[in-house]
N, C-alpha and C. Protein backbone atom coordinates (compact mmCIF):
# COMPACT_ATOMS: atom_id res chain seq x y z
N MET A 1 -22.71 16.79 4.06
CA MET A 1 -23.20 16.28 5.41
C MET A 1 -22.44 14.99 5.56
N GLU A 2 -22.37 14.05 4.39
CA GLU A 2 -21.85 12.79 4.66
C GLU A 2 -20.33 12.95 4.98
N ALA A 3 -19.72 13.97 4.33
CA ALA A 3 -18.28 14.19 4.54
C ALA A 3 -17.81 14.53 5.99
N ASN A 4 -18.53 15.24 6.57
CA ASN A 4 -18.48 15.58 8.02
C ASN A 4 -18.43 14.30 8.96
N SER A 5 -19.27 13.21 8.46
CA SER A 5 -19.44 12.05 9.36
C SER A 5 -18.01 11.23 9.20
N ASP A 6 -17.66 11.34 7.79
CA ASP A 6 -16.33 10.71 7.43
C ASP A 6 -15.32 11.16 8.29
N LEU A 7 -15.13 12.59 8.30
CA LEU A 7 -14.03 13.26 9.32
C LEU A 7 -14.24 12.72 10.76
N LYS A 8 -15.35 12.73 11.13
CA LYS A 8 -15.57 12.21 12.65
C LYS A 8 -15.25 10.88 12.75
N LYS A 9 -15.15 9.99 11.72
CA LYS A 9 -14.73 8.49 11.90
C LYS A 9 -13.05 8.58 11.89
N GLY A 10 -12.45 9.75 11.57
CA GLY A 10 -10.91 9.72 11.61
C GLY A 10 -10.37 9.31 10.18
N MET A 11 -11.20 9.56 9.19
CA MET A 11 -10.65 9.26 7.89
C MET A 11 -9.79 10.32 7.17
N GLY A 12 -9.71 11.43 7.82
CA GLY A 12 -8.78 12.54 7.24
C GLY A 12 -9.70 13.30 6.34
N LYS A 13 -9.01 14.39 5.86
CA LYS A 13 -9.59 15.38 5.06
C LYS A 13 -9.86 15.11 3.50
N TYR A 14 -9.08 13.96 3.05
CA TYR A 14 -9.24 13.55 1.64
C TYR A 14 -10.04 12.11 1.75
N PHE A 15 -10.87 11.97 0.91
CA PHE A 15 -11.74 10.71 0.81
C PHE A 15 -11.33 9.81 -0.38
N GLY A 16 -10.22 10.03 -0.86
CA GLY A 16 -9.76 9.13 -2.05
C GLY A 16 -8.37 9.19 -1.98
N VAL A 17 -7.56 8.45 -1.21
CA VAL A 17 -6.30 8.25 -1.29
C VAL A 17 -5.82 7.68 -2.59
N CYS A 18 -5.08 8.31 -3.26
CA CYS A 18 -4.62 7.76 -4.69
C CYS A 18 -3.41 6.70 -4.43
N PRO A 19 -3.83 5.35 -4.80
CA PRO A 19 -2.90 4.34 -4.69
C PRO A 19 -1.79 4.11 -5.86
N SER A 20 -1.42 5.39 -6.45
CA SER A 20 -0.51 5.38 -7.70
C SER A 20 0.88 4.99 -7.20
N TYR A 21 1.67 4.61 -8.27
CA TYR A 21 2.94 4.03 -8.05
C TYR A 21 3.89 5.02 -7.43
N HIS A 22 3.72 6.31 -7.68
CA HIS A 22 4.43 7.41 -6.90
C HIS A 22 4.21 7.44 -5.34
N HIS A 23 2.92 7.16 -5.02
CA HIS A 23 2.48 7.17 -3.50
C HIS A 23 3.00 5.95 -2.88
N SER A 24 2.84 4.86 -3.71
CA SER A 24 3.23 3.55 -3.20
C SER A 24 4.72 3.49 -2.71
N LYS A 25 5.42 4.29 -3.34
CA LYS A 25 6.99 4.26 -3.10
C LYS A 25 7.16 4.86 -1.74
N GLY A 26 6.37 5.69 -1.08
CA GLY A 26 6.36 6.29 0.20
C GLY A 26 5.64 5.48 1.18
N CYS A 27 4.96 4.48 0.94
CA CYS A 27 4.19 3.74 1.86
C CYS A 27 5.06 2.89 2.83
N ARG A 28 4.59 2.85 3.99
CA ARG A 28 5.63 2.08 5.02
C ARG A 28 4.98 0.94 5.61
N CYS A 29 3.84 0.46 4.88
CA CYS A 29 3.21 -0.65 5.45
C CYS A 29 4.07 -1.91 5.48
N SER A 30 4.86 -2.33 4.53
CA SER A 30 5.55 -3.64 4.60
C SER A 30 6.80 -3.43 5.61
N ASN A 31 7.06 -2.43 6.20
CA ASN A 31 8.10 -2.22 7.30
C ASN A 31 7.47 -2.30 8.72
N CYS A 32 6.18 -2.23 8.56
CA CYS A 32 5.40 -2.03 10.01
C CYS A 32 5.47 -3.20 10.69
N PRO A 33 5.62 -3.13 12.04
CA PRO A 33 5.68 -4.48 12.97
C PRO A 33 4.24 -5.23 12.87
N SER A 34 3.28 -4.47 12.47
CA SER A 34 2.05 -5.30 12.46
C SER A 34 1.61 -5.71 11.16
N TYR A 35 2.59 -5.53 10.13
CA TYR A 35 2.26 -5.84 8.68
C TYR A 35 1.92 -7.35 8.66
N PRO A 36 0.62 -7.61 8.23
CA PRO A 36 0.26 -9.06 8.02
C PRO A 36 0.87 -9.98 7.13
N GLY A 37 1.69 -9.39 6.23
CA GLY A 37 2.47 -10.28 5.20
C GLY A 37 1.63 -10.81 4.10
N ASP A 38 0.61 -10.03 3.71
CA ASP A 38 -0.33 -10.53 2.69
C ASP A 38 -0.01 -9.83 1.31
N ASP A 39 1.30 -9.37 1.11
CA ASP A 39 1.66 -8.71 -0.03
C ASP A 39 0.89 -7.57 -0.40
N ARG A 40 0.21 -7.03 0.36
CA ARG A 40 -0.59 -5.58 -0.02
C ARG A 40 0.24 -4.56 0.68
N TYR A 41 -0.26 -3.46 0.25
CA TYR A 41 0.39 -2.12 0.79
C TYR A 41 -0.94 -0.97 0.81
N MET A 42 -0.59 0.05 1.32
CA MET A 42 -1.30 1.29 1.29
C MET A 42 -2.71 0.94 1.67
N TYR A 43 -2.77 0.25 2.93
CA TYR A 43 -4.11 -0.08 3.49
C TYR A 43 -4.91 1.23 3.77
N CYS A 44 -4.32 2.29 3.86
CA CYS A 44 -5.17 3.63 3.92
C CYS A 44 -6.05 3.86 2.74
N ALA A 45 -5.48 3.42 1.62
CA ALA A 45 -6.14 3.56 0.32
C ALA A 45 -7.08 2.28 -0.04
N ARG A 46 -6.49 1.21 0.29
CA ARG A 46 -7.01 0.07 -0.18
C ARG A 46 -7.94 -0.95 0.85
N GLY A 47 -8.00 -0.52 1.98
CA GLY A 47 -8.81 -1.03 3.01
C GLY A 47 -8.21 -2.01 3.86
N VAL A 48 -8.72 -2.80 4.88
CA VAL A 48 -8.11 -3.56 5.64
C VAL A 48 -7.46 -4.77 5.23
N ALA A 49 -6.59 -5.48 5.85
CA ALA A 49 -5.87 -6.54 5.54
C ALA A 49 -6.82 -7.73 5.26
N GLU A 50 -6.46 -8.56 4.28
CA GLU A 50 -7.19 -9.84 4.08
C GLU A 50 -7.19 -10.78 5.16
N SER A 51 -5.86 -11.03 5.59
CA SER A 51 -5.62 -11.75 6.78
C SER A 51 -5.53 -10.94 8.13
N PRO A 52 -6.13 -11.49 9.22
CA PRO A 52 -5.99 -10.67 10.29
C PRO A 52 -4.51 -10.15 10.78
N ALA A 53 -4.39 -8.92 11.15
CA ALA A 53 -3.23 -8.32 11.51
C ALA A 53 -3.22 -8.23 13.10
N GLU A 54 -2.06 -8.74 13.61
CA GLU A 54 -1.88 -8.62 15.02
C GLU A 54 -1.25 -7.23 15.43
N ASP A 55 -1.94 -6.41 16.43
CA ASP A 55 -1.34 -5.26 16.75
C ASP A 55 -0.07 -5.37 17.67
N LYS A 56 1.13 -4.97 16.64
CA LYS A 56 2.33 -4.98 17.27
C LYS A 56 3.05 -3.74 17.19
N GLY A 57 2.31 -2.62 16.92
CA GLY A 57 2.84 -1.15 16.80
C GLY A 57 2.20 -0.77 15.45
N CYS A 58 2.46 0.49 15.13
CA CYS A 58 1.93 1.37 13.93
C CYS A 58 2.89 2.26 13.41
N LEU A 59 3.17 2.20 12.07
CA LEU A 59 4.03 3.24 11.40
C LEU A 59 3.10 4.29 10.65
N CYS A 60 1.88 4.16 10.54
CA CYS A 60 1.10 5.02 9.87
C CYS A 60 1.25 6.37 9.95
N ARG A 61 1.41 6.82 11.28
CA ARG A 61 1.61 8.24 11.47
C ARG A 61 3.00 8.91 10.88
N ASP A 62 4.07 8.05 10.72
CA ASP A 62 5.35 8.37 10.23
C ASP A 62 5.47 8.23 8.71
N CYS A 63 4.26 7.84 8.12
CA CYS A 63 4.36 7.46 6.61
C CYS A 63 3.99 8.73 5.83
N TYR A 64 4.70 8.81 4.51
CA TYR A 64 4.63 9.92 3.55
C TYR A 64 3.20 9.97 3.17
N VAL A 65 2.65 8.95 2.73
CA VAL A 65 1.12 9.01 2.34
C VAL A 65 0.20 9.61 3.28
N TYR A 66 0.46 9.20 4.64
CA TYR A 66 -0.41 9.61 5.80
C TYR A 66 -0.45 11.20 5.75
N HIS A 67 0.84 11.83 5.62
CA HIS A 67 1.09 13.23 5.74
C HIS A 67 0.58 13.90 4.32
N GLN A 68 0.92 13.13 3.17
CA GLN A 68 0.47 13.72 2.01
C GLN A 68 -1.07 13.89 1.85
N PHE A 69 -1.81 13.08 2.37
CA PHE A 69 -3.35 13.08 2.19
C PHE A 69 -3.91 13.53 3.57
N ALA A 70 -3.15 14.13 4.45
CA ALA A 70 -3.66 14.69 5.72
C ALA A 70 -4.74 13.56 6.51
N LEU A 71 -4.22 12.29 6.55
CA LEU A 71 -5.09 11.46 7.24
C LEU A 71 -5.16 11.55 8.66
N GLU A 72 -5.96 11.05 9.32
CA GLU A 72 -6.01 10.96 10.75
C GLU A 72 -6.33 9.53 11.30
N GLY A 73 -5.95 9.39 12.51
CA GLY A 73 -6.13 8.02 12.95
C GLY A 73 -4.82 7.11 12.48
N ASP A 74 -4.83 5.86 12.84
CA ASP A 74 -3.70 4.87 12.46
C ASP A 74 -4.29 3.56 12.38
N LYS A 75 -3.63 2.72 12.29
CA LYS A 75 -3.93 1.06 12.16
C LYS A 75 -5.03 0.87 10.97
N PHE A 76 -4.71 1.33 9.86
CA PHE A 76 -5.44 1.25 8.67
C PHE A 76 -5.55 -0.17 8.09
N CYS A 77 -4.46 -1.08 8.52
CA CYS A 77 -4.66 -2.35 8.02
C CYS A 77 -5.43 -3.13 9.02
N MET A 78 -5.95 -2.68 10.08
CA MET A 78 -6.84 -3.34 11.08
C MET A 78 -8.15 -2.74 11.23
N ARG A 79 -8.41 -1.52 10.69
CA ARG A 79 -9.63 -0.87 10.85
C ARG A 79 -10.85 -1.55 10.12
N ASN A 80 -12.00 -1.48 10.71
CA ASN A 80 -13.12 -2.03 10.18
C ASN A 80 -13.63 -0.97 9.41
N PRO A 81 -13.94 -1.15 7.99
CA PRO A 81 -14.43 -0.02 7.26
C PRO A 81 -15.77 0.47 7.42
N GLU A 82 -16.57 -0.30 8.30
CA GLU A 82 -17.98 0.26 8.68
C GLU A 82 -17.85 1.15 9.70
């Protein structure tokens, strides 16, 4: 039941994106125009940016990690996890 509500929130089919070295190499966060510059990456796995990100566009849907884990939605660096 809880998994269905997560799908409805746009969190994709997988609920544990693996932030491994292999997957981090496919991450596009640091190339994104909205990248907040906080030296983090894989916001889809690690949560929102520590410093506020300004919406200047989004590369999430073009990312290897996004497709590998069948994610849905975008702007993971700005998403409120609640």
